[in-house]
């Protein structure tokens, strides 16, 4: 049985990474929602430093959650078109 390591294993690995991408993206959406709620809590209390940190964390989590599947999709399509 002569199986090439690169051909079969890389295809299985790409599909596995796709499911992990979805899980990580969902967790980052939850983290973004948490930091947004924390931002509103600190907005009410008037703590400027914590408000700014919560806002930055919410934006970063949301950006990564939205960009991670898009980057993976571009990579996946590029690999399939070879």
N, C-alpha and C. Protein backbone atom coordinates (compact mmCIF):
# COMPACT_ATOMS: atom_id res chain seq x y z
N UNK A 1 0.85 -1.17 0.00
CA UNK A 1 0.00 0.00 0.00
C UNK A 1 0.89 1.23 0.00
N UNK A 2 0.89 1.93 -1.09
CA UNK A 2 1.76 3.09 -1.26
C UNK A 2 0.92 4.35 -1.19
N UNK A 3 0.90 4.98 -0.02
CA UNK A 3 0.11 6.19 0.17
C UNK A 3 1.06 7.38 0.32
N UNK A 4 0.81 8.39 -0.44
CA UNK A 4 1.63 9.58 -0.33
C UNK A 4 1.15 10.41 0.85
N UNK A 5 2.07 10.84 1.67
CA UNK A 5 1.74 11.56 2.90
C UNK A 5 1.09 12.90 2.59
N UNK A 6 1.59 13.62 1.63
CA UNK A 6 1.12 14.98 1.38
C UNK A 6 -0.26 15.07 0.77
N UNK A 7 -0.65 14.10 -0.07
CA UNK A 7 -1.89 14.25 -0.81
C UNK A 7 -3.12 13.97 0.06
N UNK A 8 -3.19 12.80 0.69
CA UNK A 8 -4.37 12.44 1.46
C UNK A 8 -4.44 13.16 2.81
N UNK A 9 -3.33 13.28 3.48
CA UNK A 9 -3.34 13.86 4.82
C UNK A 9 -3.62 15.36 4.79
N UNK A 10 -3.15 16.06 3.75
CA UNK A 10 -3.40 17.50 3.71
C UNK A 10 -4.87 17.80 3.45
N UNK A 11 -5.55 16.97 2.65
CA UNK A 11 -6.97 17.19 2.41
C UNK A 11 -7.78 16.96 3.68
N UNK A 12 -7.44 15.92 4.44
CA UNK A 12 -8.15 15.67 5.69
C UNK A 12 -7.86 16.77 6.70
N UNK A 13 -6.65 17.27 6.71
CA UNK A 13 -6.27 18.33 7.62
C UNK A 13 -6.99 19.63 7.33
N UNK A 14 -7.20 19.93 6.07
CA UNK A 14 -7.90 21.17 5.72
C UNK A 14 -9.35 21.13 6.18
N UNK A 15 -10.01 19.99 6.06
CA UNK A 15 -11.40 19.90 6.51
C UNK A 15 -11.47 19.99 8.03
N UNK A 16 -10.50 19.42 8.72
CA UNK A 16 -10.46 19.50 10.18
C UNK A 16 -10.24 20.92 10.66
N UNK A 17 -9.38 21.64 9.97
CA UNK A 17 -9.12 23.03 10.33
C UNK A 17 -10.36 23.88 10.11
N UNK A 18 -11.14 23.55 9.10
CA UNK A 18 -12.37 24.30 8.83
C UNK A 18 -13.37 24.21 9.97
N UNK A 19 -13.50 23.04 10.56
CA UNK A 19 -14.43 22.92 11.68
C UNK A 19 -13.90 23.65 12.91
N UNK A 20 -12.59 23.59 13.14
CA UNK A 20 -12.01 24.34 14.25
C UNK A 20 -12.12 25.84 14.03
N UNK A 21 -12.05 26.26 12.79
CA UNK A 21 -12.21 27.68 12.48
C UNK A 21 -13.59 28.16 12.89
N UNK A 22 -14.61 27.36 12.64
CA UNK A 22 -15.96 27.71 13.04
C UNK A 22 -16.13 27.78 14.55
N UNK A 23 -15.51 26.84 15.26
CA UNK A 23 -15.60 26.83 16.72
C UNK A 23 -14.90 28.05 17.32
N UNK A 24 -13.70 28.34 16.84
CA UNK A 24 -12.94 29.49 17.35
C UNK A 24 -13.68 30.78 17.01
N UNK A 25 -14.26 30.86 15.83
CA UNK A 25 -15.00 32.04 15.44
C UNK A 25 -16.22 32.26 16.34
N UNK A 26 -16.93 31.19 16.67
CA UNK A 26 -18.09 31.30 17.56
C UNK A 26 -17.66 31.75 18.96
N UNK A 27 -16.56 31.19 19.45
CA UNK A 27 -16.06 31.61 20.77
C UNK A 27 -15.64 33.08 20.77
N UNK A 28 -15.06 33.53 19.67
CA UNK A 28 -14.67 34.94 19.59
C UNK A 28 -15.89 35.86 19.52
N UNK A 29 -16.98 35.40 18.88
CA UNK A 29 -18.22 36.18 18.88
C UNK A 29 -18.76 36.33 20.30
N UNK A 30 -18.72 35.24 21.06
CA UNK A 30 -19.17 35.29 22.44
C UNK A 30 -18.29 36.23 23.26
N UNK A 31 -16.98 36.15 23.06
CA UNK A 31 -16.06 37.05 23.77
C UNK A 31 -16.32 38.51 23.39
N UNK A 32 -16.59 38.75 22.12
CA UNK A 32 -16.89 40.11 21.67
C UNK A 32 -18.16 40.64 22.33
N UNK A 33 -19.17 39.81 22.43
CA UNK A 33 -20.41 40.20 23.09
C UNK A 33 -20.16 40.49 24.57
N UNK A 34 -19.36 39.65 25.21
CA UNK A 34 -19.02 39.85 26.63
C UNK A 34 -18.30 41.19 26.82
N UNK A 35 -17.32 41.47 25.97
CA UNK A 35 -16.58 42.73 26.12
C UNK A 35 -17.45 43.94 25.78
N UNK A 36 -18.41 43.77 24.86
CA UNK A 36 -19.33 44.87 24.57
C UNK A 36 -20.21 45.17 25.79
N UNK A 37 -20.69 44.11 26.44
CA UNK A 37 -21.48 44.33 27.65
C UNK A 37 -20.64 44.94 28.76
N UNK A 38 -19.38 44.51 28.87
CA UNK A 38 -18.48 45.09 29.85
C UNK A 38 -18.23 46.56 29.55
N UNK A 39 -18.13 46.88 28.25
CA UNK A 39 -17.96 48.28 27.86
C UNK A 39 -19.13 49.13 28.34
N UNK A 40 -20.36 48.63 28.15
CA UNK A 40 -21.53 49.40 28.60
C UNK A 40 -21.57 49.52 30.12
N UNK A 41 -21.12 48.49 30.80
CA UNK A 41 -21.07 48.55 32.26
C UNK A 41 -20.08 49.62 32.73
N UNK A 42 -18.91 49.67 32.09
CA UNK A 42 -17.91 50.68 32.47
C UNK A 42 -18.31 52.08 31.98
N UNK A 43 -19.10 52.14 30.93
CA UNK A 43 -19.60 53.43 30.46
C UNK A 43 -20.51 54.05 31.52
N UNK A 44 -21.31 53.20 32.15
CA UNK A 44 -22.20 53.67 33.19
C UNK A 44 -21.43 54.08 34.45
N UNK A 45 -20.37 53.32 34.79
CA UNK A 45 -19.61 53.63 36.00
C UNK A 45 -18.66 54.81 35.82
N UNK A 46 -18.30 55.12 34.58
CA UNK A 46 -17.45 56.27 34.33
C UNK A 46 -15.96 56.00 34.37
N UNK A 47 -15.55 54.74 34.41
CA UNK A 47 -14.12 54.40 34.44
C UNK A 47 -13.59 54.40 33.00
N UNK A 48 -12.83 55.43 32.66
CA UNK A 48 -12.36 55.63 31.30
C UNK A 48 -11.37 54.58 30.81
N UNK A 49 -10.43 54.19 31.67
CA UNK A 49 -9.40 53.23 31.26
C UNK A 49 -10.02 51.86 30.97
N UNK A 50 -10.88 51.39 31.86
CA UNK A 50 -11.52 50.09 31.65
C UNK A 50 -12.50 50.13 30.48
N UNK A 51 -13.15 51.26 30.30
CA UNK A 51 -14.07 51.42 29.16
C UNK A 51 -13.31 51.30 27.84
N UNK A 52 -12.14 51.94 27.76
CA UNK A 52 -11.34 51.90 26.55
C UNK A 52 -10.80 50.50 26.29
N UNK A 53 -10.36 49.81 27.35
CA UNK A 53 -9.84 48.45 27.19
C UNK A 53 -10.93 47.49 26.73
N UNK A 54 -12.13 47.62 27.30
CA UNK A 54 -13.23 46.74 26.91
C UNK A 54 -13.64 46.99 25.46
N UNK A 55 -13.63 48.25 25.05
CA UNK A 55 -14.00 48.59 23.67
C UNK A 55 -12.99 48.01 22.69
N UNK A 56 -11.71 48.16 22.99
CA UNK A 56 -10.67 47.63 22.11
C UNK A 56 -10.74 46.11 22.04
N UNK A 57 -10.95 45.45 23.18
CA UNK A 57 -11.05 43.99 23.20
C UNK A 57 -12.26 43.51 22.39
N UNK A 58 -13.39 44.21 22.50
CA UNK A 58 -14.58 43.82 21.75
C UNK A 58 -14.35 43.96 20.25
N UNK A 59 -13.72 45.05 19.85
CA UNK A 59 -13.46 45.27 18.41
C UNK A 59 -12.47 44.24 17.88
N UNK A 60 -11.43 43.94 18.63
CA UNK A 60 -10.43 42.96 18.18
C UNK A 60 -11.06 41.57 18.07
N UNK A 61 -11.83 41.16 19.07
CA UNK A 61 -12.48 39.85 19.02
C UNK A 61 -13.45 39.75 17.85
N UNK A 62 -14.22 40.80 17.62
CA UNK A 62 -15.17 40.78 16.51
C UNK A 62 -14.44 40.74 15.17
N UNK A 63 -13.37 41.52 15.03
CA UNK A 63 -12.62 41.53 13.78
C UNK A 63 -12.01 40.16 13.49
N UNK A 64 -11.42 39.54 14.49
CA UNK A 64 -10.82 38.22 14.28
C UNK A 64 -11.90 37.19 13.98
N UNK A 65 -13.04 37.28 14.69
CA UNK A 65 -14.13 36.33 14.47
C UNK A 65 -14.68 36.43 13.05
N UNK A 66 -14.69 37.61 12.47
CA UNK A 66 -15.18 37.78 11.11
C UNK A 66 -14.12 37.49 10.05
N UNK A 67 -12.87 37.81 10.34
CA UNK A 67 -11.82 37.62 9.36
C UNK A 67 -11.28 36.19 9.30
N UNK A 68 -11.31 35.47 10.40
CA UNK A 68 -10.75 34.12 10.43
C UNK A 68 -11.43 33.19 9.42
N UNK A 69 -12.75 33.09 9.37
CA UNK A 69 -13.36 32.22 8.35
C UNK A 69 -13.13 32.73 6.93
N UNK A 70 -13.08 34.03 6.75
CA UNK A 70 -12.85 34.57 5.40
C UNK A 70 -11.44 34.23 4.90
N UNK A 71 -10.46 34.37 5.77
CA UNK A 71 -9.08 34.04 5.38
C UNK A 71 -8.96 32.54 5.11
N UNK A 72 -9.57 31.73 5.97
CA UNK A 72 -9.54 30.29 5.74
C UNK A 72 -10.21 29.93 4.42
N UNK A 73 -11.33 30.55 4.12
CA UNK A 73 -12.04 30.26 2.87
C UNK A 73 -11.18 30.63 1.66
N UNK A 74 -10.51 31.76 1.71
CA UNK A 74 -9.62 32.14 0.62
C UNK A 74 -8.49 31.14 0.46
N UNK A 75 -7.92 30.70 1.58
CA UNK A 75 -6.86 29.69 1.53
C UNK A 75 -7.38 28.37 0.97
N UNK A 76 -8.56 27.96 1.42
CA UNK A 76 -9.13 26.69 0.98
C UNK A 76 -9.42 26.71 -0.53
N UNK A 77 -10.01 27.78 -1.01
CA UNK A 77 -10.31 27.90 -2.44
C UNK A 77 -9.02 27.92 -3.24
N UNK A 78 -8.02 28.62 -2.74
CA UNK A 78 -6.73 28.67 -3.44
C UNK A 78 -6.11 27.28 -3.54
N UNK A 79 -6.18 26.50 -2.47
CA UNK A 79 -5.60 25.16 -2.46
C UNK A 79 -6.40 24.21 -3.39
N UNK A 80 -7.71 24.39 -3.46
CA UNK A 80 -8.52 23.51 -4.32
C UNK A 80 -8.36 23.85 -5.79
N UNK A 81 -7.99 25.07 -6.10
CA UNK A 81 -7.84 25.48 -7.50
C UNK A 81 -6.48 25.09 -8.10
N UNK A 82 -5.59 24.60 -7.26
CA UNK A 82 -4.27 24.19 -7.78
C UNK A 82 -4.36 22.99 -8.65
